C-alpha atoms as a PDB file:
ATOM      1  CA  MET A   1      14.603 -40.727 -19.437  1.00  0.00           C
ATOM      2  CA  MET A   2      14.409 -37.194 -18.065  1.00  0.00           C
ATOM      3  CA  ARG A   3      15.873 -34.305 -19.957  1.00  0.00           C
ATOM      4  CA  ARG A   4      18.293 -31.922 -18.328  1.00  0.00           C
ATOM      5  CA  ARG A   5      16.985 -28.600 -17.089  1.00  0.00           C
ATOM      6  CA  ASN A   6      18.444 -25.395 -18.444  1.00  0.00           C
ATOM      7  CA  ASN A   7      19.011 -22.223 -16.391  1.00  0.00           C
ATOM      8  CA  LEU A   8      15.599 -20.768 -17.246  1.00  0.00           C
ATOM      9  CA  ASP A   9      13.871 -23.992 -16.204  1.00  0.00           C
ATOM     10  CA  ILE A  10      15.669 -23.937 -12.848  1.00  0.00           C
ATOM     11  CA  MET A  11      14.975 -20.231 -12.284  1.00  0.00           C
ATOM     12  CA  ALA A  12      11.294 -20.760 -13.023  1.00  0.00           C
ATOM     13  CA  GLU A  13      11.206 -23.728 -10.649  1.00  0.00           C
ATOM     14  CA  VAL A  14      12.820 -21.696  -7.848  1.00  0.00           C
ATOM     15  CA  LEU A  15      10.327 -18.861  -8.424  1.00  0.00           C
ATOM     16  CA  GLU A  16       7.437 -21.321  -8.365  1.00  0.00           C
ATOM     17  CA  ILE A  17       8.668 -22.855  -5.101  1.00  0.00           C
ATOM     18  CA  ALA A  18       9.087 -19.393  -3.531  1.00  0.00           C
ATOM     19  CA  ARG A  19       5.699 -18.164  -4.752  1.00  0.00           C
ATOM     20  CA  LEU A  20       4.139 -18.355  -1.258  1.00  0.00           C
ATOM     21  CA  GLY A  21       7.441 -18.057   0.588  1.00  0.00           C
ATOM     22  CA  ALA A  22      10.125 -20.665   1.213  1.00  0.00           C
ATOM     23  CA  LYS A  23      13.335 -21.078   3.160  1.00  0.00           C
ATOM     24  CA  LYS A  24      16.572 -21.876   1.341  1.00  0.00           C
ATOM     25  CA  THR A  25      16.569 -25.488   2.610  1.00  0.00           C
ATOM     26  CA  TRP A  26      13.073 -26.064   1.221  1.00  0.00           C
ATOM     27  CA  ILE A  27      14.157 -24.634  -2.156  1.00  0.00           C
ATOM     28  CA  VAL A  28      17.222 -26.931  -2.171  1.00  0.00           C
ATOM     29  CA  TYR A  29      15.102 -30.028  -1.626  1.00  0.00           C
ATOM     30  CA  ARG A  30      12.169 -29.100  -3.849  1.00  0.00           C
ATOM     31  CA  ALA A  31      14.360 -27.946  -6.776  1.00  0.00           C
ATOM     32  CA  ASN A  32      16.765 -30.878  -6.336  1.00  0.00           C
ATOM     33  CA  LEU A  33      19.830 -28.614  -6.212  1.00  0.00           C
ATOM     34  CA  ASN A  34      22.738 -28.267  -3.818  1.00  0.00           C
ATOM     35  CA  PHE A  35      23.210 -25.280  -1.498  1.00  0.00           C
ATOM     36  CA  LYS A  36      25.974 -23.740  -3.627  1.00  0.00           C
ATOM     37  CA  LEU A  37      23.826 -23.743  -6.772  1.00  0.00           C
ATOM     38  CA  VAL A  38      20.751 -22.493  -4.922  1.00  0.00           C
ATOM     39  CA  LYS A  39      22.749 -19.579  -3.521  1.00  0.00           C
ATOM     40  CA  GLU A  40      23.868 -18.640  -7.046  1.00  0.00           C
ATOM     41  CA  TYR A  41      20.308 -18.798  -8.384  1.00  0.00           C
ATOM     42  CA  LEU A  42      18.879 -16.891  -5.408  1.00  0.00           C
ATOM     43  CA  ASP A  43      21.499 -14.159  -5.805  1.00  0.00           C
ATOM     44  CA  GLU A  44      20.794 -13.823  -9.536  1.00  0.00           C
ATOM     45  CA  LEU A  45      17.014 -13.809  -9.091  1.00  0.00           C
ATOM     46  CA  MET A  46      17.266 -11.190  -6.341  1.00  0.00           C
ATOM     47  CA  GLU A  47      19.611  -9.083  -8.465  1.00  0.00           C
ATOM     48  CA  LYS A  48      17.031  -9.175 -11.272  1.00  0.00           C
ATOM     49  CA  ARG A  49      14.299  -8.288  -8.719  1.00  0.00           C
ATOM     50  CA  LEU A  50      12.371 -11.471  -9.450  1.00  0.00           C
ATOM     51  CA  LEU A  51      12.821 -12.702  -5.881  1.00  0.00           C
ATOM     52  CA  ASP A  52      12.875 -10.925  -2.528  1.00  0.00           C
ATOM     53  CA  SER A  53      13.883 -12.065   0.942  1.00  0.00           C
ATOM     54  CA  GLU A  54      12.388 -11.230   4.307  1.00  0.00           C
ATOM     55  CA  GLY A  55      14.816 -12.633   6.839  1.00  0.00           C
ATOM     56  CA  SER A  56      15.256 -16.282   5.899  1.00  0.00           C
ATOM     57  CA  ILE A  57      12.099 -16.461   3.750  1.00  0.00           C
ATOM     58  CA  TYR A  58      12.322 -15.991  -0.010  1.00  0.00           C
ATOM     59  CA  ARG A  59       9.270 -14.800  -1.951  1.00  0.00           C
ATOM     60  CA  THR A  60       8.635 -14.340  -5.639  1.00  0.00           C
ATOM     61  CA  THR A  61       8.023 -10.669  -6.455  1.00  0.00           C
ATOM     62  CA  ASP A  62       5.277  -9.338  -8.718  1.00  0.00           C
ATOM     63  CA  GLN A  63       7.902  -9.043 -11.448  1.00  0.00           C
ATOM     64  CA  GLY A  64       8.882 -12.665 -10.758  1.00  0.00           C
ATOM     65  CA  LEU A  65       5.257 -13.756 -11.106  1.00  0.00           C
ATOM     66  CA  GLU A  66       5.105 -11.926 -14.431  1.00  0.00           C
ATOM     67  CA  PHE A  67       8.270 -13.746 -15.530  1.00  0.00           C
ATOM     68  CA  LEU A  68       6.687 -17.084 -14.539  1.00  0.00           C
ATOM     69  CA  GLU A  69       3.577 -16.337 -16.579  1.00  0.00           C
ATOM     70  CA  GLU A  70       5.652 -15.460 -19.663  1.00  0.00           C
ATOM     71  CA  TYR A  71       7.849 -18.518 -19.123  1.00  0.00           C
ATOM     72  CA  LYS A  72       4.791 -20.809 -18.981  1.00  0.00           C
ATOM     73  CA  ASN A  73       3.399 -19.230 -22.165  1.00  0.00           C
ATOM     74  CA  PHE A  74       6.730 -19.784 -23.892  1.00  0.00           C
ATOM     75  CA  LYS A  75       6.869 -23.420 -22.748  1.00  0.00           C
ATOM     76  CA  LYS A  76       3.353 -24.027 -24.134  1.00  0.00           C
ATOM     77  CA  PHE A  77       4.384 -22.495 -27.460  1.00  0.00           C
ATOM     78  CA  ARG A  78       7.603 -24.500 -27.529  1.00  0.00           C
ATOM     79  CA  VAL A  79       5.760 -27.784 -26.947  1.00  0.00           C
ATOM     80  CA  VAL A  80       3.305 -27.043 -29.758  1.00  0.00           C
ATOM     81  CA  VAL A  81       6.101 -26.133 -32.178  1.00  0.00           C
ATOM     82  CA  THR A  82       8.280 -29.179 -31.422  1.00  0.00           C
ATOM     83  CA  ALA A  83       5.427 -31.713 -31.240  1.00  0.00           C
END
């Protein structure tokens, strides 16, 4: 049984997908979200300057990459603590 993803998990997944650049449709399919939810996440990530867009291509910013690194460190810590 899979556990539900929280907002941080989804944001990190979107940033990971957009790391090398991705169109909105690709993000929808890869993150297993609908277009309405993806738009909300993209808007929030861009507002926080973790994601940038060049035309129809979304890319994770340097600040977004830093967030991803911290998120991964936190997830490692969390697994060790709960194991």
